[in-house]
Amino acid sequence: QVQLVESGGGSVQPGGSLRLACTASATIFSIAAMDWYRQAPGSQREFVARITSGGLTDYADSVKGRFALSKNDARNTVYLQMNNLKPDDTAVYYCHLIGSNYWGQGTLVTVSS
């Protein structure tokens, strides 16, 4: 059983930045890939970004150039740095262990003036 806990959400103005963190209860990110999804009110959950165990990253077109993934295997944590945030980025953000049913509880990001 693996638990994923997201943190770092909050409210920011357009153009602002936030850094989300996903911490696992086990040493898992050094051997497994994980991804971030988000779900806005009234919308389906959508892919945001993924990072492999080796650190390769991939991003949705809507966030490319603004969001960046990194990880600290020693801390069992993956980070999602979000810059130049837009109102359309408002959503609950979830981390997920690829190939599993393990999801975090979500963290809310609100971008509003």
C-alpha atoms as a PDB file:
ATOM      1  CA  GLN A   1       0.000   0.000   0.000  1.00  0.00           C
ATOM      2  CA  VAL A   2       1.371   3.400  -1.029  1.00  0.00           C
ATOM      3  CA  GLN A   3      -0.010   6.703   0.156  1.00  0.00           C
ATOM      4  CA  LEU A   4       0.446   9.876  -1.866  1.00  0.00           C
ATOM      5  CA  VAL A   5      -0.008  13.242  -0.198  1.00  0.00           C
ATOM      6  CA  GLU A   6      -0.150  16.476  -2.166  1.00  0.00           C
ATOM      7  CA  SER A   7       0.609  19.866  -0.683  1.00  0.00           C
ATOM      8  CA  GLY A   8       1.305  23.408  -1.796  1.00  0.00           C
ATOM      9  CA  GLY A   9      -2.023  24.451  -3.246  1.00  0.00           C
ATOM     10  CA  GLY A  10      -3.514  27.851  -2.577  1.00  0.00           C
ATOM     11  CA  SER A  11      -4.823  31.039  -4.111  1.00  0.00           C
ATOM     12  CA  VAL A  12      -2.730  33.253  -6.350  1.00  0.00           C
ATOM     13  CA  GLN A  13      -3.266  36.070  -8.784  1.00  0.00           C
ATOM     14  CA  PRO A  14      -2.786  35.557 -12.517  1.00  0.00           C
ATOM     15  CA  GLY A  15       0.892  35.518 -13.329  1.00  0.00           C
ATOM     16  CA  GLY A  16       1.789  34.137  -9.948  1.00  0.00           C
ATOM     17  CA  SER A  17       3.561  30.917  -9.028  1.00  0.00           C
ATOM     18  CA  LEU A  18       2.991  27.925  -6.806  1.00  0.00           C
ATOM     19  CA  ARG A  19       4.943  24.761  -6.150  1.00  0.00           C
ATOM     20  CA  LEU A  20       3.016  21.607  -5.507  1.00  0.00           C
ATOM     21  CA  ALA A  21       4.575  18.603  -3.822  1.00  0.00           C
ATOM     22  CA  CYS A  22       3.583  14.952  -3.885  1.00  0.00           C
ATOM     23  CA  THR A  23       5.139  12.873  -1.133  1.00  0.00           C
ATOM     24  CA  ALA A  24       4.915   9.101  -1.115  1.00  0.00           C
ATOM     25  CA  SER A  25       4.848   6.866   1.928  1.00  0.00           C
ATOM     26  CA  ALA A  26       7.407   4.564   0.345  1.00  0.00           C
ATOM     27  CA  THR A  27      10.573   4.819  -1.719  1.00  0.00           C
ATOM     28  CA  ILE A  28       8.775   4.586  -5.001  1.00  0.00           C
ATOM     29  CA  PHE A  29       9.673   7.467  -7.290  1.00  0.00           C
ATOM     30  CA  SER A  30      13.165   6.128  -7.899  1.00  0.00           C
ATOM     31  CA  ILE A  31      11.649   3.044  -9.515  1.00  0.00           C
ATOM     32  CA  ALA A  32       8.283   4.200 -10.815  1.00  0.00           C
ATOM     33  CA  ALA A  33       6.850   6.993 -12.899  1.00  0.00           C
ATOM     34  CA  MET A  34       4.212   9.349 -11.670  1.00  0.00           C
ATOM     35  CA  ASP A  35       1.959  11.958 -13.165  1.00  0.00           C
ATOM     36  CA  TRP A  36      -0.188  14.918 -12.240  1.00  0.00           C
ATOM     37  CA  TYR A  37      -3.769  15.402 -13.276  1.00  0.00           C
ATOM     38  CA  ARG A  38      -6.156  18.220 -12.558  1.00  0.00           C
ATOM     39  CA  GLN A  39      -9.898  18.586 -12.427  1.00  0.00           C
ATOM     40  CA  ALA A  40     -11.675  21.884 -12.736  1.00  0.00           C
ATOM     41  CA  PRO A  41     -15.266  22.321 -11.506  1.00  0.00           C
ATOM     42  CA  GLY A  42     -17.667  20.722 -13.949  1.00  0.00           C
ATOM     43  CA  SER A  43     -14.874  19.258 -16.054  1.00  0.00           C
ATOM     44  CA  GLN A  44     -13.241  15.891 -16.502  1.00  0.00           C
ATOM     45  CA  ARG A  45      -9.893  15.116 -14.966  1.00  0.00           C
ATOM     46  CA  GLU A  46      -7.115  15.987 -17.408  1.00  0.00           C
ATOM     47  CA  PHE A  47      -3.456  15.122 -17.740  1.00  0.00           C
ATOM     48  CA  VAL A  48      -0.965  17.804 -16.721  1.00  0.00           C
ATOM     49  CA  ALA A  49       2.520  16.287 -16.619  1.00  0.00           C
ATOM     50  CA  ARG A  50       4.485  13.109 -15.964  1.00  0.00           C
ATOM     51  CA  ILE A  51       7.966  12.213 -14.827  1.00  0.00           C
ATOM     52  CA  THR A  52       9.703   8.869 -15.235  1.00  0.00           C
ATOM     53  CA  SER A  53      11.874   7.172 -12.657  1.00  0.00           C
ATOM     54  CA  GLY A  54      14.857   8.422 -14.627  1.00  0.00           C
ATOM     55  CA  GLY A  55      13.649  12.007 -14.554  1.00  0.00           C
ATOM     56  CA  LEU A  56      12.323  12.356 -18.088  1.00  0.00           C
ATOM     57  CA  THR A  57       9.339  14.683 -18.247  1.00  0.00           C
ATOM     58  CA  ASP A  58       6.338  15.268 -20.473  1.00  0.00           C
ATOM     59  CA  TYR A  59       3.746  18.045 -20.312  1.00  0.00           C
ATOM     60  CA  ALA A  60       0.313  18.860 -21.625  1.00  0.00           C
ATOM     61  CA  ASP A  61       0.426  21.557 -24.282  1.00  0.00           C
ATOM     62  CA  SER A  62      -1.602  23.864 -22.064  1.00  0.00           C
ATOM     63  CA  VAL A  63       1.135  23.999 -19.422  1.00  0.00           C
ATOM     64  CA  LYS A  64       4.273  23.485 -21.487  1.00  0.00           C
ATOM     65  CA  GLY A  65       6.806  26.225 -20.824  1.00  0.00           C
ATOM     66  CA  ARG A  66       5.070  27.283 -17.611  1.00  0.00           C
ATOM     67  CA  PHE A  67       5.129  24.150 -15.437  1.00  0.00           C
ATOM     68  CA  ALA A  68       8.163  22.089 -14.524  1.00  0.00           C
ATOM     69  CA  LEU A  69       8.521  18.752 -12.755  1.00  0.00           C
ATOM     70  CA  SER A  70      11.389  17.721 -10.547  1.00  0.00           C
ATOM     71  CA  LYS A  71      11.909  15.092  -7.889  1.00  0.00           C
ATOM     72  CA  ASN A  72      13.904  14.308  -4.818  1.00  0.00           C
ATOM     73  CA  ASP A  73      14.127  10.542  -4.500  1.00  0.00           C
ATOM     74  CA  ALA A  74      15.699  10.777  -1.058  1.00  0.00           C
ATOM     75  CA  ARG A  75      12.597  12.633   0.153  1.00  0.00           C
ATOM     76  CA  ASN A  76      10.179  10.456  -1.857  1.00  0.00           C
ATOM     77  CA  THR A  77       8.803  13.674  -3.288  1.00  0.00           C
ATOM     78  CA  VAL A  78       7.937  14.989  -6.724  1.00  0.00           C
ATOM     79  CA  TYR A  79       7.488  18.715  -7.247  1.00  0.00           C
ATOM     80  CA  LEU A  80       5.368  20.569  -9.773  1.00  0.00           C
ATOM     81  CA  GLN A  81       6.565  24.141 -10.172  1.00  0.00           C
ATOM     82  CA  MET A  82       3.807  26.223 -11.722  1.00  0.00           C
ATOM     83  CA  ASN A  83       4.687  29.655 -13.087  1.00  0.00           C
ATOM     84  CA  ASN A  84       2.724  32.324 -14.923  1.00  0.00           C
ATOM     85  CA  LEU A  85      -0.495  30.848 -13.630  1.00  0.00           C
ATOM     86  CA  LYS A  86      -3.718  31.606 -15.441  1.00  0.00           C
ATOM     87  CA  PRO A  87      -7.352  31.480 -14.316  1.00  0.00           C
ATOM     88  CA  ASP A  88      -7.777  28.365 -16.505  1.00  0.00           C
ATOM     89  CA  ASP A  89      -5.270  26.593 -14.253  1.00  0.00           C
ATOM     90  CA  THR A  90      -7.788  26.690 -11.414  1.00  0.00           C
ATOM     91  CA  ALA A  91      -8.467  23.099 -10.430  1.00  0.00           C
ATOM     92  CA  VAL A  92      -7.846  20.385  -7.898  1.00  0.00           C
ATOM     93  CA  TYR A  93      -4.473  18.839  -8.683  1.00  0.00           C
ATOM     94  CA  TYR A  94      -3.837  15.146  -8.080  1.00  0.00           C
ATOM     95  CA  CYS A  95      -0.692  13.085  -8.219  1.00  0.00           C
ATOM     96  CA  HIS A  96      -0.872   9.502  -9.360  1.00  0.00           C
ATOM     97  CA  LEU A  97       1.495   6.563  -9.455  1.00  0.00           C
ATOM     98  CA  ILE A  98       1.479   5.388 -13.068  1.00  0.00           C
ATOM     99  CA  GLY A  99       0.347   1.817 -13.505  1.00  0.00           C
ATOM    100  CA  SER A 100      -1.470   1.757 -10.192  1.00  0.00           C
ATOM    101  CA  ASN A 101      -4.682   2.881  -8.559  1.00  0.00           C
ATOM    102  CA  TYR A 102      -2.791   5.066  -6.103  1.00  0.00           C
ATOM    103  CA  TRP A 103      -3.904   8.683  -6.161  1.00  0.00           C
ATOM    104  CA  GLY A 104      -3.383  11.514  -3.759  1.00  0.00           C
ATOM    105  CA  GLN A 105      -6.284  13.318  -2.133  1.00  0.00           C
ATOM    106  CA  GLY A 106      -5.805  16.416  -4.254  1.00  0.00           C
ATOM    107  CA  THR A 107      -4.801  19.985  -3.550  1.00  0.00           C
ATOM    108  CA  LEU A 108      -6.785  23.012  -4.709  1.00  0.00           C
ATOM    109  CA  VAL A 109      -5.193  25.696  -6.844  1.00  0.00           C
ATOM    110  CA  THR A 110      -7.187  28.872  -7.416  1.00  0.00           C
ATOM    111  CA  VAL A 111      -5.977  31.550  -9.807  1.00  0.00           C
ATOM    112  CA  SER A 112      -8.020  34.698  -9.598  1.00  0.00           C
ATOM    113  CA  SER A 113      -7.636  38.443  -9.442  1.00  0.00           C
END
